[in-house]
Structures are given as structure tokens and as C-alpha cells.
C-alpha atoms as a PDB file:
ATOM      1  CA  MET A   1     125.179 162.106  62.076  1.00  0.00           C
ATOM      2  CA  PRO A   2     124.113 159.722  64.845  1.00  0.00           C
ATOM      3  CA  LYS A   3     123.107 156.220  63.918  1.00  0.00           C
ATOM      4  CA  MET A   4     119.465 155.188  63.657  1.00  0.00           C
ATOM      5  CA  LYS A   5     118.722 152.948  66.637  1.00  0.00           C
ATOM      6  CA  THR A   6     116.356 149.985  66.680  1.00  0.00           C
ATOM      7  CA  HIS A   7     113.456 150.478  69.085  1.00  0.00           C
ATOM      8  CA  SER A   8     114.155 147.674  71.540  1.00  0.00           C
ATOM      9  CA  SER A   9     110.569 146.910  72.552  1.00  0.00           C
ATOM     10  CA  LEU A  10     109.582 146.399  68.918  1.00  0.00           C
ATOM     11  CA  LYS A  11     112.163 143.652  68.407  1.00  0.00           C
ATOM     12  CA  ASP A  12     110.153 141.190  70.506  1.00  0.00           C
ATOM     13  CA  ARG A  13     106.678 142.277  69.404  1.00  0.00           C
ATOM     14  CA  PHE A  14     107.035 142.187  65.619  1.00  0.00           C
ATOM     15  CA  LYS A  15     108.838 140.068  63.021  1.00  0.00           C
ATOM     16  CA  ILE A  16     109.691 141.046  59.456  1.00  0.00           C
ATOM     17  CA  THR A  17     109.190 138.279  56.892  1.00  0.00           C
ATOM     18  CA  GLY A  18     111.579 137.574  54.054  1.00  0.00           C
ATOM     19  CA  THR A  19     109.385 139.517  51.632  1.00  0.00           C
ATOM     20  CA  GLY A  20     109.247 142.563  53.925  1.00  0.00           C
ATOM     21  CA  LYS A  21     105.821 142.084  55.481  1.00  0.00           C
ATOM     22  CA  VAL A  22     105.393 142.667  59.220  1.00  0.00           C
ATOM     23  CA  LYS A  23     103.884 139.970  61.443  1.00  0.00           C
ATOM     24  CA  ARG A  24     102.443 140.689  64.880  1.00  0.00           C
ATOM     25  CA  TYR A  25     101.313 138.674  67.877  1.00  0.00           C
ATOM     26  CA  LYS A  26      97.733 138.624  69.156  1.00  0.00           C
ATOM     27  CA  ALA A  27      96.673 139.771  72.603  1.00  0.00           C
ATOM     28  CA  PHE A  28      95.094 137.549  75.297  1.00  0.00           C
ATOM     29  CA  ARG A  29      97.414 134.575  74.690  1.00  0.00           C
ATOM     30  CA  ASN A  30      99.928 134.982  77.519  1.00  0.00           C
ATOM     31  CA  HIS A  31      98.291 133.970  80.781  1.00  0.00           C
ATOM     32  CA  LEU A  32      94.972 132.887  82.329  1.00  0.00           C
ATOM     33  CA  LEU A  33      94.614 130.299  79.588  1.00  0.00           C
ATOM     34  CA  SER A  34      92.982 127.568  81.671  1.00  0.00           C
ATOM     35  CA  HIS A  35      89.465 129.021  81.431  1.00  0.00           C
ATOM     36  CA  LYS A  36      89.680 129.887  77.725  1.00  0.00           C
ATOM     37  CA  SER A  37      88.277 127.393  75.263  1.00  0.00           C
ATOM     38  CA  GLY A  38      90.485 125.400  72.939  1.00  0.00           C
ATOM     39  CA  ARG A  39      88.938 127.116  69.957  1.00  0.00           C
ATOM     40  CA  GLN A  40      89.763 130.547  71.352  1.00  0.00           C
ATOM     41  CA  LYS A  41      93.374 129.518  72.005  1.00  0.00           C
ATOM     42  CA  ARG A  42      93.727 128.096  68.485  1.00  0.00           C
ATOM     43  CA  VAL A  43      92.394 131.293  66.922  1.00  0.00           C
ATOM     44  CA  LEU A  44      94.754 133.405  69.032  1.00  0.00           C
ATOM     45  CA  ALA A  45      97.754 131.261  68.076  1.00  0.00           C
ATOM     46  CA  GLY A  46      98.113 132.737  64.588  1.00  0.00           C
ATOM     47  CA  GLN A  47     100.381 135.616  63.682  1.00  0.00           C
ATOM     48  CA  PRO A  48      98.489 137.983  61.363  1.00  0.00           C
ATOM     49  CA  LEU A  49     100.080 140.627  59.177  1.00  0.00           C
ATOM     50  CA  MET A  50     100.056 144.233  60.288  1.00  0.00           C
ATOM     51  CA  ALA A  51      97.581 146.651  58.739  1.00  0.00           C
ATOM     52  CA  ALA A  52      99.017 148.503  55.752  1.00  0.00           C
ATOM     53  CA  GLY A  53      98.730 151.905  57.437  1.00  0.00           C
ATOM     54  CA  ASP A  54     100.979 150.871  60.332  1.00  0.00           C
ATOM     55  CA  VAL A  55     103.724 149.064  58.408  1.00  0.00           C
ATOM     56  CA  ARG A  56     105.816 152.118  57.547  1.00  0.00           C
ATOM     57  CA  ARG A  57     105.945 153.299  61.165  1.00  0.00           C
ATOM     58  CA  ILE A  58     106.841 149.842  62.489  1.00  0.00           C
ATOM     59  CA  LYS A  59     109.573 149.320  59.874  1.00  0.00           C
ATOM     60  CA  GLN A  60     111.112 152.662  60.818  1.00  0.00           C
ATOM     61  CA  GLY A  61     111.426 151.491  64.428  1.00  0.00           C
ATOM     62  CA  LEU A  62     112.903 148.176  63.258  1.00  0.00           C
ATOM     63  CA  SER A  63     115.196 149.814  60.720  1.00  0.00           C
ATOM     64  CA  ASN A  64     118.392 147.973  61.665  1.00  0.00           C
ATOM     65  CA  LEU A  65     116.957 144.456  61.816  1.00  0.00           C
ATOM     66  CA  LYS A  66     116.411 143.948  58.070  1.00  0.00           C
END
């Protein structure tokens, strides 16, 4: 049987915590930041957890990381 490969684009977009939860990054935080308010940038700085319905699919793509 062939090995299960890690989906390479998912490695940079998601992180798996020590307890197995999946953290994601928020959109709108990469460029054009000079006109955004400080409050908006602070709110976007967090890394929320993925919705429960998506976790299984993401973990399958990241199967070899943890």
C-alpha cells in the first residue's frame, strides 16, 4: 500500500495543538494593514479553533504531522 501523504498546503495554514484540537489563522491580516484600525488588527491576531464539523477532514490531510 502507498503511504498516506501530508497535504502540503495544510501544513502552513493549520496547527494541531497538544490535545489534538486544530487552530487556524484568520483572513485579512496579511497585507494592506495601514488603513485598518488597531482594534481590527488586534481582533484578527487571534488563532481560533476550527469548527467541529471540519476537524476530521483537516486532520486527515495533516495525518503525518501528529
